[in-house]
Amino acid sequence: MAARIGIIGTGWWTTYAHLPSLATYPDAQIAAIADPNAERLNAAADAFDVSRRHTDYRTMLDGERLDGVIVATPHATHYEIAREVLGRGLGLMLEKPMVLRASEARDLCALARESGAPLVVGYPYHFVPQHAALRARIATGALGQLQLVDNLFASMVLEYYRANPLAYAKVFDWEVTGPLSTTYSDPQVAGGGQGHLQVTHSAALLLWLTGLRATEVAAFMARFDLRVDLCDAISVRFAGGTVGTLASTGGIAAGQSGHQQLEYRIYGSDGYALLDPMAGTCAIHRNDGQIETLDPTPPDARYPREATSRHLADLLLGRAENRSDGEIGLRTVELLEAAYRSADEGRIVNVEEL
């Protein structure tokens, strides 16, 4: 038995991650795909031998026999499409950022609860065994009471924000389709820049590892010559008293793609943890002097882009527990919406306002 999956959106990430993943997964069947751009739709369908194709996703939802749906469309479209999917009681894997507003995220979580359908948010880092091991250690008190968390994410996405995605065509080896020029550069389409494209990843992993939830956020964001933010500096107070910082830039040059950084420092009353997902390393330093080094993550498993779509199939078949659910998506959206508001309004924003 295989889960019948429909896919909405045939851009870069669908053709780079989701279609290759499902096409080689025995427990999933690509039932149909949809995209309003007929050229991109047909290119994706032809590349992966999908016969059922629709230029209107509603036609697909109404006319196809589906168990679940993957939504990988521009950020600003997520909420409307996700509501349609969950409203039909279908399982959903929704790409990150889940949505752009906390109220929308809460609504989707409620719809998923009411329907009983699984809601997965597209964060591959949650499927790395080393990260799951650190999460389990933190949950069982290895670090004691969490006091300070610190995250740095420096990535290579500047040309996306300059509306020049072709600069990365060779870097990411686009074989079928790539992003449109507006996908990440136009705030009406993308929402924001570094926050909504990249910090959504680093913040979600931080919240998933620690179980924290933001209560107050203060942020500075810099656009330089762009229409969206390139550099973000975010300070956060979490429920329970933990405080933390998240800093990020998308300005790593394409010629320095190997220099990208993602680092976490998590400090508690009984010790601290150092995690470097890009290097695949993690160590827990306890106050009694013991150091636990978690099993390293091999290079080909550090960003398992195939995991989220396959996880939807596993959930639909009752073979897994949700490892990246709507709640973690909601907490991430809360933090990001508060950060954007803080940067725009020059004040500390309480998450309860959202």
Foldseek 3Di string as FASTA:
>chain_A
DAFEEEEEDQAQLCLQAVLVLQLPDPRHDDQEYEDLPVQSQVLSCVVNVHDHYYPDVVCVVVPTDGQAYEYDFFQACQLVVLCVRLVVLHAYEYEFLNHQALVSLVVSVVSCVVSVHFYFYQAQQLVFVLLVVLLVCLVVQVQPAWAEKEKEWEAACVCLLVLRFVVCCVVSVRDGHHDGSCRANPCSGRVAHCLRPPVLRLVLSVCLSNVWFFFKKAKAFDCVPGPHTFWIWMWTATPPGHIYIYIYGNPDHPVVRVPIWIWMWIHHPFWIKIDTLQFQWIWTAGPVGDIDTGDGDDNVSSRNSNPSSVVSRCVSVVNDDHSGGSVSSSRSSLHSSQHVCNNVPVDMDGSVVD
